[in-house]
Every structure is written in structure tokens, then in C-alpha cells.
């Protein structure tokens, strides 16, 4: 469920990025005064989800720092690289352990 939502948001953000020029309505920019707009917000949400996954994984601290820097310095490309090449299944498969009674 969680990964399906991430994939849907990623596809939605890539669809917005495919447009060459911002859409204007009666002379106002689609992106608004800050320049980020909807696309910026979607990228921010996906980056935060990636950072939470990285922090909760069982990677070494150095690998966590490297992945966080990649996602932080290159928000769109870094996030795509993380989701495609980070081997998330093996690092997040630990799950919860039962408390011994």
C-alpha cells in the first residue's frame, strides 16, 4: 500500500515535469509566486518519504548519510536513483521483532 502510493505520486510528479512551459491562467503563473507550486510540493513529499525510509532502514550510518545527501542534493534525480537502485527490500525487511515473554 505504501509503495503503491509512492509510485502513484512519482508518476504524477513526472507527468507534471514533462510539460515544457508552465500553464498560465489569466496572466498568473501556474507555479505561483514561490516558483515551487504543485510539482515542488510533490517532490518535497516524496523526498521526505525517502528520508524516512532511509532513517528507518538497517543500513550502516555512513550509507544512510550518503543516501540522504544524494536525495537532498539532487531532489528529483536522487529520489529516482534511490527508489531504483538502493535495494530497499533487503534493508527494510527486518520489520518488528516480537518481545520475548
C-alpha atoms as a PDB file:
ATOM      1  CA  UNK A   1       0.000   0.000   0.000  1.00  0.00           C
ATOM      2  CA  UNK A   2       2.799   2.392   0.981  1.00  0.00           C
ATOM      3  CA  UNK A   3       4.863   1.627  -2.113  1.00  0.00           C
ATOM      4  CA  UNK A   4       1.800   1.948  -4.352  1.00  0.00           C
ATOM      5  CA  UNK A   5       1.189   5.466  -3.040  1.00  0.00           C
ATOM      6  CA  UNK A   6       4.838   6.370  -3.637  1.00  0.00           C
ATOM      7  CA  UNK A   7       4.686   5.032  -7.187  1.00  0.00           C
ATOM      8  CA  UNK A   8       1.485   6.958  -7.906  1.00  0.00           C
ATOM      9  CA  UNK A   9       2.966  10.214  -6.575  1.00  0.00           C
ATOM     10  CA  UNK A  10       6.146   9.634  -8.554  1.00  0.00           C
ATOM     11  CA  UNK A  11       4.203   9.092 -11.771  1.00  0.00           C
ATOM     12  CA  UNK A  12       2.124  12.181 -11.070  1.00  0.00           C
ATOM     13  CA  UNK A  13       5.203  14.322 -10.440  1.00  0.00           C
ATOM     14  CA  UNK A  14       6.889  13.040 -13.604  1.00  0.00           C
ATOM     15  CA  UNK A  15       3.767  13.872 -15.615  1.00  0.00           C
ATOM     16  CA  UNK A  16       3.943  17.458 -14.352  1.00  0.00           C
ATOM     17  CA  UNK A  17       7.665  17.650 -15.119  1.00  0.00           C
ATOM     18  CA  UNK A  18       7.024  16.543 -18.716  1.00  0.00           C
ATOM     19  CA  UNK A  19       5.314  19.815 -19.543  1.00  0.00           C
ATOM     20  CA  UNK A  20       7.724  22.198 -21.233  1.00  0.00           C
ATOM     21  CA  UNK A  21       6.220  25.504 -20.097  1.00  0.00           C
ATOM     22  CA  UNK A  22       4.160  26.446 -17.049  1.00  0.00           C
ATOM     23  CA  UNK A  23       0.446  26.786 -17.611  1.00  0.00           C
ATOM     24  CA  UNK A  24      -0.850  30.328 -17.190  1.00  0.00           C
ATOM     25  CA  UNK A  25      -4.375  31.340 -16.271  1.00  0.00           C
ATOM     26  CA  UNK A  26      -5.291  34.984 -16.970  1.00  0.00           C
ATOM     27  CA  UNK A  27      -1.686  36.123 -16.758  1.00  0.00           C
ATOM     28  CA  UNK A  28      -0.800  34.400 -13.492  1.00  0.00           C
ATOM     29  CA  UNK A  29       1.789  31.661 -13.395  1.00  0.00           C
ATOM     30  CA  UNK A  30       0.687  28.113 -12.605  1.00  0.00           C
ATOM     31  CA  UNK A  31       3.597  27.784 -10.198  1.00  0.00           C
ATOM     32  CA  UNK A  32       2.640  30.727  -8.019  1.00  0.00           C
ATOM     33  CA  UNK A  33       4.911  33.378  -6.539  1.00  0.00           C
ATOM     34  CA  UNK A  34       7.396  30.990  -4.898  1.00  0.00           C
ATOM     35  CA  UNK A  35       8.250  29.030  -8.049  1.00  0.00           C
ATOM     36  CA  UNK A  36       7.656  25.618  -6.497  1.00  0.00           C
ATOM     37  CA  UNK A  37       3.962  25.064  -6.894  1.00  0.00           C
ATOM     38  CA  UNK A  38       2.379  21.641  -7.040  1.00  0.00           C
ATOM     39  CA  UNK A  39       5.415  19.941  -8.559  1.00  0.00           C
ATOM     40  CA  UNK A  40       7.692  21.288  -5.837  1.00  0.00           C
ATOM     41  CA  UNK A  41       5.303  20.120  -3.146  1.00  0.00           C
ATOM     42  CA  UNK A  42       5.063  16.618  -4.627  1.00  0.00           C
ATOM     43  CA  UNK A  43       8.859  16.369  -4.874  1.00  0.00           C
ATOM     44  CA  UNK A  44       9.175  17.550  -1.263  1.00  0.00           C
ATOM     45  CA  UNK A  45       6.694  14.926  -0.024  1.00  0.00           C
ATOM     46  CA  UNK A  46       8.427  12.139  -1.962  1.00  0.00           C
ATOM     47  CA  UNK A  47      11.834  13.259  -0.658  1.00  0.00           C
ATOM     48  CA  UNK A  48      10.564  13.232   2.928  1.00  0.00           C
ATOM     49  CA  UNK A  49       9.185   9.714   2.404  1.00  0.00           C
ATOM     50  CA  UNK A  50      12.595   8.651   1.040  1.00  0.00           C
ATOM     51  CA  UNK A  51      14.395  10.180   4.049  1.00  0.00           C
ATOM     52  CA  UNK A  52      12.074   8.399   6.495  1.00  0.00           C
ATOM     53  CA  UNK A  53      12.723   5.090   4.709  1.00  0.00           C
ATOM     54  CA  UNK A  54      16.480   5.734   4.803  1.00  0.00           C
ATOM     55  CA  UNK A  55      16.491   6.583   8.525  1.00  0.00           C
ATOM     56  CA  UNK A  56      14.392   3.535   9.414  1.00  0.00           C
ATOM     57  CA  UNK A  57      16.481   1.096   7.366  1.00  0.00           C
ATOM     58  CA  UNK A  58      19.126  -1.185   8.817  1.00  0.00           C
ATOM     59  CA  UNK A  59      21.956   0.349   6.761  1.00  0.00           C
ATOM     60  CA  UNK A  60      25.200   1.493   8.312  1.00  0.00           C
ATOM     61  CA  UNK A  61      25.241   5.134   9.432  1.00  0.00           C
ATOM     62  CA  UNK A  62      27.659   6.077   6.633  1.00  0.00           C
ATOM     63  CA  UNK A  63      25.369   4.580   3.966  1.00  0.00           C
ATOM     64  CA  UNK A  64      22.407   6.428   5.487  1.00  0.00           C
ATOM     65  CA  UNK A  65      24.303   9.719   5.304  1.00  0.00           C
ATOM     66  CA  UNK A  66      25.333   9.098   1.699  1.00  0.00           C
ATOM     67  CA  UNK A  67      21.779   8.236   0.582  1.00  0.00           C
ATOM     68  CA  UNK A  68      20.350  11.237   2.453  1.00  0.00           C
ATOM     69  CA  UNK A  69      22.877  13.534   0.770  1.00  0.00           C
ATOM     70  CA  UNK A  70      22.077  12.108  -2.666  1.00  0.00           C
ATOM     71  CA  UNK A  71      18.350  12.687  -2.130  1.00  0.00           C
ATOM     72  CA  UNK A  72      18.959  16.137  -0.589  1.00  0.00           C
ATOM     73  CA  UNK A  73      21.410  17.470  -3.182  1.00  0.00           C
ATOM     74  CA  UNK A  74      19.554  16.090  -6.217  1.00  0.00           C
ATOM     75  CA  UNK A  75      15.873  16.046  -5.157  1.00  0.00           C
ATOM     76  CA  UNK A  76      14.275  14.556  -8.282  1.00  0.00           C
ATOM     77  CA  UNK A  77      17.154  12.532  -9.743  1.00  0.00           C
ATOM     78  CA  UNK A  78      18.405  11.430  -6.300  1.00  0.00           C
ATOM     79  CA  UNK A  79      14.971  10.205  -5.308  1.00  0.00           C
ATOM     80  CA  UNK A  80      14.613   8.245  -8.544  1.00  0.00           C
ATOM     81  CA  UNK A  81      18.092   6.742  -8.090  1.00  0.00           C
ATOM     82  CA  UNK A  82      17.252   5.788  -4.502  1.00  0.00           C
ATOM     83  CA  UNK A  83      13.982   4.069  -5.426  1.00  0.00           C
ATOM     84  CA  UNK A  84      15.539   2.214  -8.371  1.00  0.00           C
ATOM     85  CA  UNK A  85      18.995   1.217  -7.103  1.00  0.00           C
ATOM     86  CA  UNK A  86      19.028   1.177  -3.282  1.00  0.00           C
ATOM     87  CA  UNK A  87      17.905  -2.443  -2.695  1.00  0.00           C
ATOM     88  CA  UNK A  88      15.185  -1.249  -0.324  1.00  0.00           C
ATOM     89  CA  UNK A  89      13.611  -4.683   0.146  1.00  0.00           C
ATOM     90  CA  UNK A  90      16.641  -6.229   1.825  1.00  0.00           C
ATOM     91  CA  UNK A  91      17.325  -3.224   4.067  1.00  0.00           C
ATOM     92  CA  UNK A  92      13.745  -2.689   5.210  1.00  0.00           C
ATOM     93  CA  UNK A  93      12.722  -6.337   5.557  1.00  0.00           C
ATOM     94  CA  UNK A  94      13.606  -6.513   9.259  1.00  0.00           C
ATOM     95  CA  UNK A  95      10.202  -5.367  10.419  1.00  0.00           C
ATOM     96  CA  UNK A  96       9.252  -5.688  14.056  1.00  0.00           C
ATOM     97  CA  UNK A  97      10.503  -8.349  16.405  1.00  0.00           C
ATOM     98  CA  UNK A  98       8.225  -9.938  18.940  1.00  0.00           C
ATOM     99  CA  UNK A  99       9.033  -9.171  22.571  1.00  0.00           C
ATOM    100  CA  UNK A 100      10.097 -12.393  24.286  1.00  0.00           C
ATOM    101  CA  UNK A 101       7.870 -13.361  27.167  1.00  0.00           C
END
